[in-house]
Amino acid sequence: MTPQKDLSFFAIAFSPEVRRTAIRVALIVGSALALINHGDKLVTGTLTVPAILKMLLTYLVPYSVSTWSAVKAIRACDGDSSHSQLGS
């Protein structure tokens, strides 16, 4: 197996496992944030195009944080034999 430290940030970030986890985190956390920040507009039906764009960006933040954290964790654990694979 190729050591993860030898792979680029993007190679790890776009790996299926990291993407799958980041999408789950983005859906859960992004939905909570969107409801907190825009719930009143959703309920009253007064969403504007700028508000919709802001809602979409709300999902990008947890996706990015999750991806960044996963890449850093994978790289940090690469040399530690007790954590050779995350999630196992």
PDB file of N, CA and C in Angstrom:
ATOM      1  N   MET A   1       0.843  -1.182   0.000  1.00  0.00           N
ATOM      2  CA  MET A   1       0.000   0.000   0.000  1.00  0.00           C
ATOM      3  C   MET A   1       0.884   1.239   0.000  1.00  0.00           C
ATOM      4  N   THR A   2       0.538   2.228  -0.809  1.00  0.00           N
ATOM      5  CA  THR A   2       1.291   3.466  -0.886  1.00  0.00           C
ATOM      6  C   THR A   2       1.044   4.292   0.363  1.00  0.00           C
ATOM      7  N   PRO A   3       2.100   4.785   0.998  1.00  0.00           N
ATOM      8  CA  PRO A   3       1.882   5.636   2.165  1.00  0.00           C
ATOM      9  C   PRO A   3       1.082   6.874   1.787  1.00  0.00           C
ATOM     10  N   GLN A   4       0.129   7.254   2.654  1.00  0.00           N
ATOM     11  CA  GLN A   4      -0.745   8.387   2.361  1.00  0.00           C
ATOM     12  C   GLN A   4       0.020   9.705   2.303  1.00  0.00           C
ATOM     13  N   LYS A   5       1.152   9.808   3.041  1.00  0.00           N
ATOM     14  CA  LYS A   5       1.918  11.048   3.021  1.00  0.00           C
ATOM     15  C   LYS A   5       2.508  11.301   1.644  1.00  0.00           C
ATOM     16  N   ASP A   6       2.695  10.255   0.852  1.00  0.00           N
ATOM     17  CA  ASP A   6       3.238  10.405  -0.486  1.00  0.00           C
ATOM     18  C   ASP A   6       2.181  10.892  -1.472  1.00  0.00           C
ATOM     19  N   LEU A   7       0.924  10.764  -1.119  1.00  0.00           N
ATOM     20  CA  LEU A   7      -0.152  11.213  -1.999  1.00  0.00           C
ATOM     21  C   LEU A   7      -0.395  12.707  -1.793  1.00  0.00           C
ATOM     22  N   SER A   8      -0.833  13.367  -2.842  1.00  0.00           N
ATOM     23  CA  SER A   8      -1.128  14.791  -2.734  1.00  0.00           C
ATOM     24  C   SER A   8      -2.383  15.000  -1.888  1.00  0.00           C
ATOM     25  N   PHE A   9      -2.548  16.224  -1.438  1.00  0.00           N
ATOM     26  CA  PHE A   9      -3.741  16.587  -0.677  1.00  0.00           C
ATOM     27  C   PHE A   9      -4.988  16.215  -1.462  1.00  0.00           C
ATOM     28  N   PHE A  10      -5.000  16.566  -2.755  1.00  0.00           N
ATOM     29  CA  PHE A  10      -6.190  16.339  -3.574  1.00  0.00           C
ATOM     30  C   PHE A  10      -6.438  14.855  -3.839  1.00  0.00           C
ATOM     31  N   ALA A  11      -5.391  14.062  -3.933  1.00  0.00           N
ATOM     32  CA  ALA A  11      -5.580  12.623  -4.132  1.00  0.00           C
ATOM     33  C   ALA A  11      -6.302  12.011  -2.941  1.00  0.00           C
ATOM     34  N   ILE A  12      -5.943  12.454  -1.747  1.00  0.00           N
ATOM     35  CA  ILE A  12      -6.616  11.944  -0.549  1.00  0.00           C
ATOM     36  C   ILE A  12      -8.018  12.558  -0.431  1.00  0.00           C
ATOM     37  N   ALA A  13      -8.112  13.870  -0.667  1.00  0.00           N
ATOM     38  CA  ALA A  13      -9.384  14.574  -0.505  1.00  0.00           C
ATOM     39  C   ALA A  13     -10.468  14.042  -1.437  1.00  0.00           C
ATOM     40  N   PHE A  14     -10.073  13.597  -2.631  1.00  0.00           N
ATOM     41  CA  PHE A  14     -11.056  13.102  -3.594  1.00  0.00           C
ATOM     42  C   PHE A  14     -11.191  11.581  -3.584  1.00  0.00           C
ATOM     43  N   SER A  15     -10.591  10.944  -2.581  1.00  0.00           N
ATOM     44  CA  SER A  15     -10.762   9.498  -2.463  1.00  0.00           C
ATOM     45  C   SER A  15     -12.217   9.216  -2.077  1.00  0.00           C
ATOM     46  N   PRO A  16     -12.748   8.084  -2.501  1.00  0.00           N
ATOM     47  CA  PRO A  16     -14.172   7.789  -2.250  1.00  0.00           C
ATOM     48  C   PRO A  16     -14.572   7.846  -0.775  1.00  0.00           C
ATOM     49  N   GLU A  17     -13.738   7.316   0.106  1.00  0.00           N
ATOM     50  CA  GLU A  17     -14.106   7.288   1.527  1.00  0.00           C
ATOM     51  C   GLU A  17     -14.166   8.698   2.114  1.00  0.00           C
ATOM     52  N   VAL A  18     -13.189   9.527   1.780  1.00  0.00           N
ATOM     53  CA  VAL A  18     -13.175  10.892   2.307  1.00  0.00           C
ATOM     54  C   VAL A  18     -14.351  11.681   1.746  1.00  0.00           C
ATOM     55  N   ARG A  19     -14.609  11.555   0.447  1.00  0.00           N
ATOM     56  CA  ARG A  19     -15.743  12.265  -0.159  1.00  0.00           C
ATOM     57  C   ARG A  19     -17.066  11.828   0.444  1.00  0.00           C
ATOM     58  N   ARG A  20     -17.241  10.524   0.621  1.00  0.00           N
ATOM     59  CA  ARG A  20     -18.490   9.988   1.176  1.00  0.00           C
ATOM     60  C   ARG A  20     -18.732  10.550   2.583  1.00  0.00           C
ATOM     61  N   THR A  21     -17.702  10.543   3.410  1.00  0.00           N
ATOM     62  CA  THR A  21     -17.832  11.063   4.771  1.00  0.00           C
ATOM     63  C   THR A  21     -18.104  12.562   4.765  1.00  0.00           C
ATOM     64  N   ALA A  22     -17.392  13.299   3.927  1.00  0.00           N
ATOM     65  CA  ALA A  22     -17.571  14.755   3.864  1.00  0.00           C
ATOM     66  C   ALA A  22     -18.975  15.123   3.393  1.00  0.00           C
ATOM     67  N   ILE A  23     -19.508  14.358   2.459  1.00  0.00           N
ATOM     68  CA  ILE A  23     -20.874  14.620   1.984  1.00  0.00           C
ATOM     69  C   ILE A  23     -21.880  14.381   3.104  1.00  0.00           C
ATOM     70  N   ARG A  24     -21.709  13.305   3.858  1.00  0.00           N
ATOM     71  CA  ARG A  24     -22.614  13.032   4.984  1.00  0.00           C
ATOM     72  C   ARG A  24     -22.563  14.158   6.014  1.00  0.00           C
ATOM     73  N   VAL A  25     -21.348  14.572   6.355  1.00  0.00           N
ATOM     74  CA  VAL A  25     -21.186  15.658   7.328  1.00  0.00           C
ATOM     75  C   VAL A  25     -21.825  16.933   6.794  1.00  0.00           C
ATOM     76  N   ALA A  26     -21.585  17.247   5.517  1.00  0.00           N
ATOM     77  CA  ALA A  26     -22.147  18.466   4.918  1.00  0.00           C
ATOM     78  C   ALA A  26     -23.666  18.437   4.926  1.00  0.00           C
ATOM     79  N   LEU A  27     -24.256  17.290   4.634  1.00  0.00           N
ATOM     80  CA  LEU A  27     -25.718  17.202   4.618  1.00  0.00           C
ATOM     81  C   LEU A  27     -26.318  17.405   6.006  1.00  0.00           C
ATOM     82  N   ILE A  28     -25.701  16.817   7.004  1.00  0.00           N
ATOM     83  CA  ILE A  28     -26.231  16.925   8.364  1.00  0.00           C
ATOM     84  C   ILE A  28     -25.981  18.322   8.936  1.00  0.00           C
ATOM     85  N   VAL A  29     -24.715  18.730   8.959  1.00  0.00           N
ATOM     86  CA  VAL A  29     -24.362  20.021   9.559  1.00  0.00           C
ATOM     87  C   VAL A  29     -24.886  21.175   8.704  1.00  0.00           C
ATOM     88  N   GLY A  30     -24.755  21.056   7.388  1.00  0.00           N
ATOM     89  CA  GLY A  30     -25.245  22.110   6.498  1.00  0.00           C
ATOM     90  C   GLY A  30     -26.746  22.317   6.620  1.00  0.00           C
ATOM     91  N   SER A  31     -27.493  21.232   6.740  1.00  0.00           N
ATOM     92  CA  SER A  31     -28.944  21.351   6.905  1.00  0.00           C
ATOM     93  C   SER A  31     -29.293  22.044   8.222  1.00  0.00           C
ATOM     94  N   ALA A  32     -28.596  21.681   9.279  1.00  0.00           N
ATOM     95  CA  ALA A  32     -28.838  22.330  10.570  1.00  0.00           C
ATOM     96  C   ALA A  32     -28.525  23.824  10.482  1.00  0.00           C
ATOM     97  N   LEU A  33     -27.396  24.163   9.880  1.00  0.00           N
ATOM     98  CA  LEU A  33     -27.030  25.574   9.739  1.00  0.00           C
ATOM     99  C   LEU A  33     -27.999  26.326   8.828  1.00  0.00           C
ATOM    100  N   ALA A  34     -28.424  25.692   7.750  1.00  0.00           N
ATOM    101  CA  ALA A  34     -29.366  26.340   6.836  1.00  0.00           C
ATOM    102  C   ALA A  34     -30.694  26.617   7.543  1.00  0.00           C
ATOM    103  N   LEU A  35     -31.150  25.671   8.347  1.00  0.00           N
ATOM    104  CA  LEU A  35     -32.395  25.888   9.096  1.00  0.00           C
ATOM    105  C   LEU A  35     -32.243  26.990  10.137  1.00  0.00           C
ATOM    106  N   ILE A  36     -31.108  27.011  10.807  1.00  0.00           N
ATOM    107  CA  ILE A  36     -30.866  28.057  11.801  1.00  0.00           C
ATOM    108  C   ILE A  36     -30.816  29.427  11.132  1.00  0.00           C
ATOM    109  N   ASN A  37     -30.080  29.513  10.044  1.00  0.00           N
ATOM    110  CA  ASN A  37     -29.855  30.817   9.399  1.00  0.00           C
ATOM    111  C   ASN A  37     -30.991  31.274   8.483  1.00  0.00           C
ATOM    112  N   HIS A  38     -31.722  30.332   7.886  1.00  0.00           N
ATOM    113  CA  HIS A  38     -32.723  30.699   6.885  1.00  0.00           C
ATOM    114  C   HIS A  38     -34.092  30.065   7.135  1.00  0.00           C
ATOM    115  N   GLY A  39     -34.284  29.487   8.299  1.00  0.00           N
ATOM    116  CA  GLY A  39     -35.541  28.808   8.609  1.00  0.00           C
ATOM    117  C   GLY A  39     -36.752  29.702   8.499  1.00  0.00           C
ATOM    118  N   ASP A  40     -36.620  30.942   8.949  1.00  0.00           N
ATOM    119  CA  ASP A  40     -37.770  31.859   8.885  1.00  0.00           C
ATOM    120  C   ASP A  40     -38.185  32.121   7.443  1.00  0.00           C
ATOM    121  N   LYS A  41     -37.213  32.246   6.547  1.00  0.00           N
ATOM    122  CA  LYS A  41     -37.528  32.478   5.132  1.00  0.00           C
ATOM    123  C   LYS A  41     -38.119  31.225   4.483  1.00  0.00           C
ATOM    124  N   LEU A  42     -37.667  30.060   4.942  1.00  0.00           N
ATOM    125  CA  LEU A  42     -38.234  28.805   4.425  1.00  0.00           C
ATOM    126  C   LEU A  42     -39.694  28.676   4.839  1.00  0.00           C
ATOM    127  N   VAL A  43     -39.981  28.986   6.088  1.00  0.00           N
ATOM    128  CA  VAL A  43     -41.341  28.851   6.611  1.00  0.00           C
ATOM    129  C   VAL A  43     -42.287  29.837   5.943  1.00  0.00           C
ATOM    130  N   THR A  44     -41.833  31.068   5.765  1.00  0.00           N
ATOM    131  CA  THR A  44     -42.707  32.088   5.179  1.00  0.00           C
ATOM    132  C   THR A  44     -42.695  32.087   3.657  1.00  0.00           C
ATOM    133  N   GLY A  45     -41.799  31.314   3.063  1.00  0.00           N
ATOM    134  CA  GLY A  45     -41.727  31.241   1.602  1.00  0.00           C
ATOM    135  C   GLY A  45     -41.179  32.497   0.957  1.00  0.00           C
ATOM    136  N   THR A  46     -40.298  33.189   1.666  1.00  0.00           N
ATOM    137  CA  THR A  46     -39.748  34.444   1.146  1.00  0.00           C
ATOM    138  C   THR A  46     -38.270  34.316   0.765  1.00  0.00           C
ATOM    139  N   LEU A  47     -37.889  33.154   0.304  1.00  0.00           N
ATOM    140  CA  LEU A  47     -36.498  32.951  -0.108  1.00  0.00           C
ATOM    141  C   LEU A  47     -36.206  33.752  -1.376  1.00  0.00           C
ATOM    142  N   THR A  48     -35.065  34.407  -1.370  1.00  0.00           N
ATOM    143  CA  THR A  48     -34.613  35.138  -2.544  1.00  0.00           C
ATOM    144  C   THR A  48     -33.450  34.379  -3.166  1.00  0.00           C
ATOM    145  N   VAL A  49     -33.080  34.751  -4.359  1.00  0.00           N
ATOM    146  CA  VAL A  49     -31.944  34.096  -5.024  1.00  0.00           C
ATOM    147  C   VAL A  49     -30.669  34.241  -4.188  1.00  0.00           C
ATOM    148  N   PRO A  50     -30.348  35.431  -3.664  1.00  0.00           N
ATOM    149  CA  PRO A  50     -29.151  35.523  -2.817  1.00  0.00           C
ATOM    150  C   PRO A  50     -29.219  34.619  -1.585  1.00  0.00           C
ATOM    151  N   ALA A  51     -30.402  34.486  -0.992  1.00  0.00           N
ATOM    152  CA  ALA A  51     -30.543  33.611   0.182  1.00  0.00           C
ATOM    153  C   ALA A  51     -30.329  32.152  -0.195  1.00  0.00           C
ATOM    154  N   ILE A  52     -30.806  31.753  -1.350  1.00  0.00           N
ATOM    155  CA  ILE A  52     -30.604  30.377  -1.819  1.00  0.00           C
ATOM    156  C   ILE A  52     -29.128  30.115  -2.067  1.00  0.00           C
ATOM    157  N   LEU A  53     -28.432  31.083  -2.660  1.00  0.00           N
ATOM    158  CA  LEU A  53     -26.989  30.934  -2.879  1.00  0.00           C
ATOM    159  C   LEU A  53     -26.240  30.823  -1.551  1.00  0.00           C
ATOM    160  N   LYS A  54     -26.661  31.618  -0.572  1.00  0.00           N
ATOM    161  CA  LYS A  54     -26.041  31.530   0.756  1.00  0.00           C
ATOM    162  C   LYS A  54     -26.296  30.172   1.388  1.00  0.00           C
ATOM    163  N   MET A  55     -27.488  29.633   1.185  1.00  0.00           N
ATOM    164  CA  MET A  55     -27.804  28.308   1.719  1.00  0.00           C
ATOM    165  C   MET A  55     -26.909  27.248   1.096  1.00  0.00           C
ATOM    166  N   LEU A  56     -26.695  27.345  -0.207  1.00  0.00           N
ATOM    167  CA  LEU A  56     -25.814  26.384  -0.880  1.00  0.00           C
ATOM    168  C   LEU A  56     -24.390  26.499  -0.363  1.00  0.00           C
ATOM    169  N   LEU A  57     -23.925  27.712  -0.142  1.00  0.00           N
ATOM    170  CA  LEU A  57     -22.589  27.901   0.419  1.00  0.00           C
ATOM    171  C   LEU A  57     -22.482  27.364   1.841  1.00  0.00           C
ATOM    172  N   THR A  58     -23.608  27.358   2.549  1.00  0.00           N
ATOM    173  CA  THR A  58     -23.632  26.836   3.911  1.00  0.00           C
ATOM    174  C   THR A  58     -23.215  25.360   3.936  1.00  0.00           C
ATOM    175  N   TYR A  59     -23.512  24.631   2.895  1.00  0.00           N
ATOM    176  CA  TYR A  59     -23.132  23.219   2.819  1.00  0.00           C
ATOM    177  C   TYR A  59     -21.654  23.050   2.480  1.00  0.00           C
ATOM    178  N   LEU A  60     -21.069  24.027   1.821  1.00  0.00           N
ATOM    179  CA  LEU A  60     -19.672  23.943   1.423  1.00  0.00           C
ATOM    180  C   LEU A  60     -18.731  24.015   2.627  1.00  0.00           C
ATOM    181  N   VAL A  61     -19.104  24.773   3.634  1.00  0.00           N
ATOM    182  CA  VAL A  61     -18.235  24.942   4.803  1.00  0.00           C
ATOM    183  C   VAL A  61     -18.020  23.620   5.545  1.00  0.00           C
ATOM    184  N   PRO A  62     -19.064  22.901   5.969  1.00  0.00           N
ATOM    185  CA  PRO A  62     -18.800  21.632   6.666  1.00  0.00           C
ATOM    186  C   PRO A  62     -18.141  20.590   5.760  1.00  0.00           C
ATOM    187  N   TYR A  63     -18.446  20.626   4.453  1.00  0.00           N
ATOM    188  CA  TYR A  63     -17.776  19.703   3.525  1.00  0.00           C
ATOM    189  C   TYR A  63     -16.277  19.984   3.515  1.00  0.00           C
ATOM    190  N   SER A  64     -15.910  21.237   3.424  1.00  0.00           N
ATOM    191  CA  SER A  64     -14.502  21.611   3.381  1.00  0.00           C
ATOM    192  C   SER A  64     -13.778  21.280   4.679  1.00  0.00           C
ATOM    193  N   VAL A  65     -14.409  21.573   5.804  1.00  0.00           N
ATOM    194  CA  VAL A  65     -13.791  21.288   7.099  1.00  0.00           C
ATOM    195  C   VAL A  65     -13.612  19.782   7.292  1.00  0.00           C
ATOM    196  N   SER A  66     -14.619  19.023   6.928  1.00  0.00           N
ATOM    197  CA  SER A  66     -14.523  17.570   7.058  1.00  0.00           C
ATOM    198  C   SER A  66     -13.417  17.001   6.176  1.00  0.00           C
ATOM    199  N   THR A  67     -13.341  17.489   4.946  1.00  0.00           N
ATOM    200  CA  THR A  67     -12.312  17.016   4.024  1.00  0.00           C
ATOM    201  C   THR A  67     -10.923  17.369   4.529  1.00  0.00           C
ATOM    202  N   TRP A  68     -10.735  18.607   4.922  1.00  0.00           N
ATOM    203  CA  TRP A  68      -9.430  19.054   5.427  1.00  0.00           C
ATOM    204  C   TRP A  68      -9.013  18.217   6.637  1.00  0.00           C
ATOM    205  N   SER A  69      -9.938  18.022   7.574  1.00  0.00           N
ATOM    206  CA  SER A  69      -9.639  17.245   8.776  1.00  0.00           C
ATOM    207  C   SER A  69      -9.289  15.802   8.448  1.00  0.00           C
ATOM    208  N   ALA A  70     -10.014  15.211   7.515  1.00  0.00           N
ATOM    209  CA  ALA A  70      -9.748  13.823   7.143  1.00  0.00           C
ATOM    210  C   ALA A  70      -8.370  13.675   6.510  1.00  0.00           C
ATOM    211  N   VAL A  71      -8.020  14.582   5.619  1.00  0.00           N
ATOM    212  CA  VAL A  71      -6.702  14.513   4.967  1.00  0.00           C
ATOM    213  C   VAL A  71      -5.597  14.658   6.005  1.00  0.00           C
ATOM    214  N   LYS A  72      -5.734  15.622   6.898  1.00  0.00           N
ATOM    215  CA  LYS A  72      -4.715  15.823   7.929  1.00  0.00           C
ATOM    216  C   LYS A  72      -4.612  14.602   8.841  1.00  0.00           C
ATOM    217  N   ALA A  73      -5.752  14.014   9.208  1.00  0.00           N
ATOM    218  CA  ALA A  73      -5.747  12.839  10.083  1.00  0.00           C
ATOM    219  C   ALA A  73      -5.121  11.634   9.387  1.00  0.00           C
ATOM    220  N   ILE A  74      -5.458  11.440   8.125  1.00  0.00           N
ATOM    221  CA  ILE A  74      -4.896  10.314   7.377  1.00  0.00           C
ATOM    222  C   ILE A  74      -3.388  10.457   7.269  1.00  0.00           C
ATOM    223  N   ARG A  75      -2.925  11.647   6.968  1.00  0.00           N
ATOM    224  CA  ARG A  75      -1.482  11.879   6.866  1.00  0.00           C
ATOM    225  C   ARG A  75      -0.794  11.698   8.211  1.00  0.00           C
ATOM    226  N   ALA A  76      -1.430  12.158   9.292  1.00  0.00           N
ATOM    227  CA  ALA A  76      -0.830  12.048  10.623  1.00  0.00           C
ATOM    228  C   ALA A  76      -0.751  10.597  11.085  1.00  0.00           C
ATOM    229  N   CYS A  77      -1.747   9.798  10.723  1.00  0.00           N
ATOM    230  CA  CYS A  77      -1.801   8.404  11.166  1.00  0.00           C
ATOM    231  C   CYS A  77      -1.004   7.460  10.276  1.00  0.00           C
ATOM    232  N   ASP A  78      -0.513   7.948   9.170  1.00  0.00           N
ATOM    233  CA  ASP A  78       0.156   7.090   8.206  1.00  0.00           C
ATOM    234  C   ASP A  78       1.321   6.311   8.808  1.00  0.00           C
ATOM    235  N   GLY A  79       2.124   6.926   9.635  1.00  0.00           N
ATOM    236  CA  GLY A  79       3.275   6.251  10.208  1.00  0.00           C
ATOM    237  C   GLY A  79       2.962   5.451  11.449  1.00  0.00           C
ATOM    238  N   ASP A  80       1.768   5.574  11.989  1.00  0.00           N
ATOM    239  CA  ASP A  80       1.366   4.893  13.218  1.00  0.00           C
ATOM    240  C   ASP A  80       0.702   3.567  12.875  1.00  0.00           C
ATOM    241  N   SER A  81       1.359   2.469  13.165  1.00  0.00           N
ATOM    242  CA  SER A  81       0.850   1.150  12.773  1.00  0.00           C
ATOM    243  C   SER A  81      -0.459   0.802  13.474  1.00  0.00           C
ATOM    244  N   SER A  82      -0.730   1.410  14.632  1.00  0.00           N
ATOM    245  CA  SER A  82      -1.985   1.102  15.323  1.00  0.00           C
ATOM    246  C   SER A  82      -3.174   1.803  14.682  1.00  0.00           C
ATOM    247  N   HIS A  83      -2.900   2.758  13.793  1.00  0.00           N
ATOM    248  CA  HIS A  83      -3.969   3.473  13.086  1.00  0.00           C
ATOM    249  C   HIS A  83      -3.695   3.444  11.595  1.00  0.00           C
ATOM    250  N   SER A  84      -3.385   2.281  11.071  1.00  0.00           N
ATOM    251  CA  SER A  84      -3.028   2.186   9.660  1.00  0.00           C
ATOM    252  C   SER A  84      -4.183   2.540   8.743  1.00  0.00           C
ATOM    253  N   GLN A  85      -5.416   2.326   9.203  1.00  0.00           N
ATOM    254  CA  GLN A  85      -6.585   2.701   8.399  1.00  0.00           C
ATOM    255  C   GLN A  85      -7.568   3.399   9.335  1.00  0.00           C
ATOM    256  N   LEU A  86      -8.051   4.549   8.901  1.00  0.00           N
ATOM    257  CA  LEU A  86      -9.050   5.243   9.699  1.00  0.00           C
ATOM    258  C   LEU A  86     -10.373   4.504   9.610  1.00  0.00           C
ATOM    259  N   GLY A  87     -11.096   4.514  10.690  1.00  0.00           N
ATOM    260  CA  GLY A  87     -12.414   3.905  10.702  1.00  0.00           C
ATOM    261  C   GLY A  87     -12.397   2.410  10.963  1.00  0.00           C
ATOM    262  N   SER A  88     -11.242   1.840  11.229  1.00  0.00           N
ATOM    263  CA  SER A  88     -11.225   0.395  11.509  1.00  0.00           C
ATOM    264  C   SER A  88     -10.775   0.136  12.918  1.00  0.00           C
TER     265      SER A  88
END
